[in-house]
Amino acid sequence: QVQLVESGGGLVQPGGSLRLSCTASGTITIYSINPMGWYRQAPGKQRELVAVHGSMSANYSDSVKGRFTISRDNAKKTVYLQMNSLKPEDTAVYYCNLDRWGVDYWGQGTQVTVSS
């Protein structure tokens, strides 16, 4: 079993920054080759990919490129999402994801609200 716990969400003004963290725990081993990433879901919309970090590279949705940075600490089993220049349209519940050879694990989600 794997549990993913997110933290770092909150309320921020447009143009501000937040850093999300997600730490995995459990009895199974997580390898650097297993992608970890972030998705988000805004009210009335489908869940969408924000960024994913594989063993060698990171990929981003076009809407966050240049503003968000994903990083990973394999020793700590933690993935981070640094979000800069936040916009109101970034408001959503952000979910951490682990893809362990086709089996998806999800965190409980953390709310990010961008508003003045």
N, C-alpha and C. Protein backbone atom coordinates (compact mmCIF):
# COMPACT_ATOMS: atom_id res chain seq x y z
N GLN A 1 0.82 -1.19 0.00
CA GLN A 1 0.00 0.00 0.00
C GLN A 1 0.86 1.25 0.00
N VAL A 2 0.34 2.30 -0.65
CA VAL A 2 1.04 3.58 -0.70
C VAL A 2 0.06 4.68 -0.29
N GLN A 3 0.52 5.56 0.54
CA GLN A 3 -0.27 6.74 0.88
C GLN A 3 0.49 7.98 0.41
N LEU A 4 -0.25 8.90 -0.19
CA LEU A 4 0.32 10.17 -0.65
C LEU A 4 -0.33 11.29 0.15
N VAL A 5 0.49 12.13 0.75
CA VAL A 5 -0.02 13.22 1.57
C VAL A 5 0.50 14.54 1.03
N GLU A 6 -0.42 15.40 0.62
CA GLU A 6 -0.05 16.71 0.07
C GLU A 6 -0.11 17.77 1.16
N SER A 7 0.63 18.83 0.95
CA SER A 7 0.57 20.00 1.81
C SER A 7 1.01 21.22 1.01
N GLY A 8 0.70 22.40 1.56
CA GLY A 8 1.19 23.63 0.96
C GLY A 8 0.17 24.47 0.23
N GLY A 9 -1.05 23.99 0.13
CA GLY A 9 -2.07 24.79 -0.54
C GLY A 9 -2.50 25.97 0.32
N GLY A 10 -3.34 26.82 -0.27
CA GLY A 10 -3.84 27.98 0.48
C GLY A 10 -4.37 29.05 -0.43
N LEU A 11 -4.55 30.22 0.15
CA LEU A 11 -5.06 31.39 -0.57
C LEU A 11 -3.89 32.33 -0.87
N VAL A 12 -3.80 32.76 -2.12
CA VAL A 12 -2.72 33.65 -2.52
C VAL A 12 -3.27 34.66 -3.52
N GLN A 13 -2.67 35.84 -3.54
CA GLN A 13 -3.09 36.87 -4.48
C GLN A 13 -2.51 36.60 -5.87
N PRO A 14 -3.16 37.09 -6.89
CA PRO A 14 -2.60 36.95 -8.25
C PRO A 14 -1.18 37.48 -8.31
N GLY A 15 -0.32 36.73 -8.99
CA GLY A 15 1.09 37.07 -9.06
C GLY A 15 1.93 36.47 -7.96
N GLY A 16 1.27 35.89 -6.98
CA GLY A 16 1.99 35.31 -5.86
C GLY A 16 2.50 33.91 -6.14
N SER A 17 3.09 33.30 -5.10
CA SER A 17 3.71 31.97 -5.23
C SER A 17 3.25 31.05 -4.11
N LEU A 18 3.24 29.78 -4.43
CA LEU A 18 3.01 28.71 -3.45
C LEU A 18 3.89 27.53 -3.81
N ARG A 19 4.21 26.74 -2.79
CA ARG A 19 4.96 25.52 -3.02
C ARG A 19 4.19 24.35 -2.41
N LEU A 20 3.84 23.41 -3.27
CA LEU A 20 3.15 22.20 -2.83
C LEU A 20 4.17 21.08 -2.62
N SER A 21 3.88 20.24 -1.62
CA SER A 21 4.71 19.07 -1.38
C SER A 21 3.82 17.84 -1.30
N CYS A 22 4.37 16.72 -1.70
CA CYS A 22 3.66 15.44 -1.61
C CYS A 22 4.66 14.37 -1.22
N THR A 23 4.39 13.72 -0.10
CA THR A 23 5.28 12.68 0.39
C THR A 23 4.57 11.34 0.37
N ALA A 24 5.26 10.36 -0.15
CA ALA A 24 4.71 9.00 -0.22
C ALA A 24 5.21 8.18 0.97
N SER A 25 4.32 7.38 1.48
CA SER A 25 4.69 6.46 2.56
C SER A 25 3.96 5.14 2.33
N GLY A 26 4.44 4.11 2.99
CA GLY A 26 3.81 2.81 2.81
C GLY A 26 4.82 1.70 2.78
N THR A 27 4.32 0.51 2.52
CA THR A 27 5.16 -0.67 2.63
C THR A 27 5.84 -1.07 1.33
N ILE A 28 5.44 -0.46 0.21
CA ILE A 28 6.06 -0.87 -1.05
C ILE A 28 7.13 0.14 -1.46
N THR A 29 8.02 -0.32 -2.28
CA THR A 29 9.14 0.53 -2.71
C THR A 29 8.73 1.39 -3.89
N ILE A 30 9.15 2.63 -3.83
CA ILE A 30 8.92 3.55 -4.94
C ILE A 30 10.27 3.82 -5.59
N TYR A 31 10.32 3.62 -6.90
CA TYR A 31 11.56 3.78 -7.63
C TYR A 31 11.55 5.09 -8.40
N SER A 32 12.72 5.58 -8.69
CA SER A 32 12.82 6.85 -9.42
C SER A 32 12.21 6.74 -10.80
N ILE A 33 12.10 5.55 -11.33
CA ILE A 33 11.52 5.36 -12.66
C ILE A 33 9.99 5.50 -12.62
N ASN A 34 9.40 5.40 -11.43
CA ASN A 34 7.95 5.56 -11.30
C ASN A 34 7.61 7.05 -11.34
N PRO A 35 6.88 7.50 -12.36
CA PRO A 35 6.57 8.93 -12.43
C PRO A 35 5.71 9.40 -11.26
N MET A 36 6.04 10.59 -10.79
CA MET A 36 5.21 11.27 -9.80
C MET A 36 4.86 12.64 -10.36
N GLY A 37 3.64 13.08 -10.11
CA GLY A 37 3.24 14.34 -10.68
C GLY A 37 2.07 14.97 -9.97
N TRP A 38 1.61 16.04 -10.58
CA TRP A 38 0.50 16.83 -10.04
C TRP A 38 -0.58 17.00 -11.09
N TYR A 39 -1.81 16.83 -10.64
CA TYR A 39 -2.99 17.12 -11.43
C TYR A 39 -3.82 18.15 -10.68
N ARG A 40 -4.76 18.75 -11.38
CA ARG A 40 -5.66 19.68 -10.70
C ARG A 40 -7.07 19.55 -11.27
N GLN A 41 -8.04 19.94 -10.44
CA GLN A 41 -9.42 19.91 -10.87
C GLN A 41 -10.12 21.14 -10.34
N ALA A 42 -10.59 21.95 -11.27
CA ALA A 42 -11.34 23.15 -10.93
C ALA A 42 -12.84 22.80 -10.90
N PRO A 43 -13.64 23.58 -10.20
CA PRO A 43 -15.07 23.29 -10.12
C PRO A 43 -15.71 23.20 -11.51
N GLY A 44 -16.45 22.12 -11.74
CA GLY A 44 -17.13 21.95 -13.02
C GLY A 44 -16.26 21.51 -14.17
N LYS A 45 -14.99 21.22 -13.88
CA LYS A 45 -14.06 20.81 -14.94
C LYS A 45 -13.47 19.44 -14.65
N GLN A 46 -12.92 18.84 -15.69
CA GLN A 46 -12.27 17.55 -15.52
C GLN A 46 -10.89 17.72 -14.91
N ARG A 47 -10.41 16.67 -14.26
CA ARG A 47 -9.06 16.69 -13.71
C ARG A 47 -8.08 16.74 -14.88
N GLU A 48 -7.06 17.59 -14.74
CA GLU A 48 -6.07 17.74 -15.81
C GLU A 48 -4.65 17.64 -15.26
N LEU A 49 -3.76 17.19 -16.14
CA LEU A 49 -2.36 17.11 -15.78
C LEU A 49 -1.76 18.50 -15.67
N VAL A 50 -0.98 18.71 -14.61
CA VAL A 50 -0.24 19.96 -14.45
C VAL A 50 1.23 19.73 -14.80
N ALA A 51 1.84 18.75 -14.14
CA ALA A 51 3.25 18.46 -14.37
C ALA A 51 3.54 17.06 -13.88
N VAL A 52 4.51 16.42 -14.53
CA VAL A 52 4.90 15.08 -14.13
C VAL A 52 6.42 14.97 -14.20
N HIS A 53 6.99 14.24 -13.25
CA HIS A 53 8.44 14.07 -13.17
C HIS A 53 8.76 12.59 -13.25
N GLY A 54 9.41 12.20 -14.35
CA GLY A 54 9.86 10.84 -14.49
C GLY A 54 11.26 10.69 -13.96
N SER A 55 11.93 9.62 -14.38
CA SER A 55 13.26 9.38 -13.86
C SER A 55 14.29 10.34 -14.43
N MET A 56 14.00 10.87 -15.64
CA MET A 56 15.02 11.68 -16.30
C MET A 56 14.55 13.09 -16.66
N SER A 57 13.24 13.30 -16.74
CA SER A 57 12.78 14.59 -17.24
C SER A 57 11.43 14.95 -16.65
N ALA A 58 11.05 16.20 -16.87
CA ALA A 58 9.76 16.70 -16.41
C ALA A 58 8.96 17.23 -17.59
N ASN A 59 7.67 17.09 -17.49
CA ASN A 59 6.77 17.61 -18.52
C ASN A 59 5.69 18.46 -17.87
N TYR A 60 5.27 19.48 -18.61
CA TYR A 60 4.31 20.44 -18.08
C TYR A 60 3.17 20.66 -19.07
N SER A 61 2.02 21.02 -18.52
CA SER A 61 0.95 21.45 -19.40
C SER A 61 1.31 22.83 -19.94
N ASP A 62 0.80 23.16 -21.10
CA ASP A 62 1.11 24.45 -21.72
C ASP A 62 0.68 25.61 -20.83
N SER A 63 -0.37 25.43 -20.06
CA SER A 63 -0.90 26.53 -19.26
C SER A 63 0.00 26.91 -18.09
N VAL A 64 0.94 26.06 -17.71
CA VAL A 64 1.79 26.37 -16.56
C VAL A 64 3.27 26.46 -16.93
N LYS A 65 3.62 26.16 -18.16
CA LYS A 65 5.04 26.23 -18.58
C LYS A 65 5.60 27.61 -18.32
N GLY A 66 6.79 27.62 -17.75
CA GLY A 66 7.46 28.89 -17.46
C GLY A 66 7.07 29.50 -16.14
N ARG A 67 6.01 28.97 -15.51
CA ARG A 67 5.56 29.51 -14.21
C ARG A 67 5.71 28.48 -13.09
N PHE A 68 5.50 27.22 -13.41
CA PHE A 68 5.56 26.16 -12.40
C PHE A 68 6.81 25.32 -12.63
N THR A 69 7.36 24.80 -11.53
CA THR A 69 8.50 23.90 -11.61
C THR A 69 8.25 22.70 -10.71
N ILE A 70 8.39 21.51 -11.30
CA ILE A 70 8.26 20.28 -10.52
C ILE A 70 9.64 19.75 -10.21
N SER A 71 9.80 19.24 -9.00
CA SER A 71 11.07 18.64 -8.62
C SER A 71 10.77 17.44 -7.73
N ARG A 72 11.81 16.66 -7.51
CA ARG A 72 11.58 15.39 -6.81
C ARG A 72 12.80 15.05 -5.99
N ASP A 73 12.57 14.55 -4.79
CA ASP A 73 13.63 14.05 -3.91
C ASP A 73 13.32 12.57 -3.67
N ASN A 74 14.02 11.71 -4.40
CA ASN A 74 13.70 10.28 -4.32
C ASN A 74 14.02 9.71 -2.94
N ALA A 75 15.05 10.21 -2.30
CA ALA A 75 15.40 9.70 -0.97
C ALA A 75 14.29 9.99 0.03
N LYS A 76 13.61 11.11 -0.15
CA LYS A 76 12.52 11.48 0.75
C LYS A 76 11.16 11.05 0.21
N LYS A 77 11.15 10.44 -0.99
CA LYS A 77 9.90 10.02 -1.62
C LYS A 77 8.93 11.19 -1.71
N THR A 78 9.46 12.33 -2.08
CA THR A 78 8.68 13.56 -2.10
C THR A 78 8.78 14.24 -3.45
N VAL A 79 7.65 14.76 -3.91
CA VAL A 79 7.61 15.56 -5.12
C VAL A 79 7.08 16.94 -4.75
N TYR A 80 7.66 17.96 -5.37
CA TYR A 80 7.31 19.34 -5.09
C TYR A 80 6.75 20.02 -6.34
N LEU A 81 5.95 21.03 -6.13
CA LEU A 81 5.49 21.87 -7.22
C LEU A 81 5.62 23.32 -6.79
N GLN A 82 6.60 24.00 -7.35
CA GLN A 82 6.78 25.43 -7.10
C GLN A 82 5.94 26.19 -8.11
N MET A 83 5.01 26.97 -7.60
CA MET A 83 4.07 27.70 -8.47
C MET A 83 4.31 29.19 -8.31
N ASN A 84 4.74 29.83 -9.38
CA ASN A 84 5.00 31.26 -9.39
C ASN A 84 4.04 31.96 -10.35
N SER A 85 3.95 33.25 -10.21
CA SER A 85 3.08 34.07 -11.09
C SER A 85 1.69 33.46 -11.20
N LEU A 86 1.13 33.15 -10.06
CA LEU A 86 -0.17 32.47 -10.04
C LEU A 86 -1.27 33.38 -10.59
N LYS A 87 -2.22 32.73 -11.26
CA LYS A 87 -3.34 33.42 -11.87
C LYS A 87 -4.64 32.89 -11.28
N PRO A 88 -5.71 33.66 -11.35
CA PRO A 88 -7.00 33.16 -10.83
C PRO A 88 -7.41 31.84 -11.47
N GLU A 89 -7.05 31.63 -12.73
CA GLU A 89 -7.42 30.38 -13.40
C GLU A 89 -6.62 29.18 -12.91
N ASP A 90 -5.64 29.41 -12.05
CA ASP A 90 -4.93 28.29 -11.42
C ASP A 90 -5.69 27.75 -10.20
N THR A 91 -6.77 28.41 -9.82
CA THR A 91 -7.56 27.97 -8.69
C THR A 91 -8.14 26.59 -8.95
N ALA A 92 -7.86 25.66 -8.03
CA ALA A 92 -8.30 24.27 -8.20
C ALA A 92 -7.88 23.47 -6.97
N VAL A 93 -8.36 22.25 -6.92
CA VAL A 93 -7.81 21.28 -5.98
C VAL A 93 -6.67 20.56 -6.70
N TYR A 94 -5.52 20.55 -6.09
CA TYR A 94 -4.33 19.93 -6.68
C TYR A 94 -4.11 18.57 -6.04
N TYR A 95 -3.93 17.57 -6.91
CA TYR A 95 -3.77 16.19 -6.47
C TYR A 95 -2.39 15.68 -6.86
N CYS A 96 -1.77 14.99 -5.94
CA CYS A 96 -0.51 14.31 -6.21
C CYS A 96 -0.81 12.93 -6.79
N ASN A 97 0.02 12.50 -7.71
CA ASN A 97 -0.16 11.20 -8.35
C ASN A 97 1.15 10.44 -8.42
N LEU A 98 1.05 9.14 -8.18
CA LEU A 98 2.18 8.22 -8.38
C LEU A 98 1.71 7.13 -9.35
N ASP A 99 2.46 6.94 -10.40
CA ASP A 99 2.19 5.88 -11.38
C ASP A 99 3.22 4.78 -11.17
N ARG A 100 2.80 3.72 -10.53
CA ARG A 100 3.72 2.64 -10.22
C ARG A 100 3.40 1.48 -11.15
N TRP A 101 4.00 1.52 -12.29
CA TRP A 101 3.84 0.49 -13.33
C TRP A 101 2.38 0.26 -13.68
N GLY A 102 1.72 1.36 -13.98
CA GLY A 102 0.34 1.31 -14.44
C GLY A 102 -0.70 1.36 -13.35
N VAL A 103 -0.27 1.29 -12.10
CA VAL A 103 -1.21 1.41 -10.98
C VAL A 103 -1.11 2.84 -10.44
N ASP A 104 -2.21 3.55 -10.46
CA ASP A 104 -2.24 4.94 -10.02
C ASP A 104 -2.59 5.05 -8.54
N TYR A 105 -1.83 5.91 -7.85
CA TYR A 105 -2.13 6.25 -6.47
C TYR A 105 -2.35 7.77 -6.42
N TRP A 106 -3.31 8.18 -5.59
CA TRP A 106 -3.67 9.59 -5.50
C TRP A 106 -3.65 10.07 -4.06
N GLY A 107 -3.27 11.33 -3.90
CA GLY A 107 -3.42 11.98 -2.62
C GLY A 107 -4.84 12.48 -2.44
N GLN A 108 -5.09 13.08 -1.29
CA GLN A 108 -6.44 13.53 -0.96
C GLN A 108 -6.75 14.90 -1.56
N GLY A 109 -5.73 15.58 -2.03
CA GLY A 109 -5.92 16.88 -2.67
C GLY A 109 -5.68 18.03 -1.71
N THR A 110 -5.20 19.13 -2.26
CA THR A 110 -5.01 20.35 -1.48
C THR A 110 -5.54 21.53 -2.29
N GLN A 111 -6.29 22.40 -1.65
CA GLN A 111 -6.95 23.50 -2.34
C GLN A 111 -5.97 24.65 -2.55
N VAL A 112 -5.93 25.14 -3.77
CA VAL A 112 -5.19 26.35 -4.11
C VAL A 112 -6.20 27.37 -4.64
N THR A 113 -6.24 28.52 -4.01
CA THR A 113 -7.15 29.58 -4.42
C THR A 113 -6.35 30.84 -4.70
N VAL A 114 -6.49 31.35 -5.92
CA VAL A 114 -5.80 32.57 -6.33
C VAL A 114 -6.85 33.66 -6.50
N SER A 115 -6.81 34.62 -5.60
CA SER A 115 -7.84 35.66 -5.60
C SER A 115 -7.34 36.89 -4.86
N SER A 116 -7.79 38.04 -5.32
CA SER A 116 -7.45 39.28 -4.63
C SER A 116 -8.53 39.63 -3.61
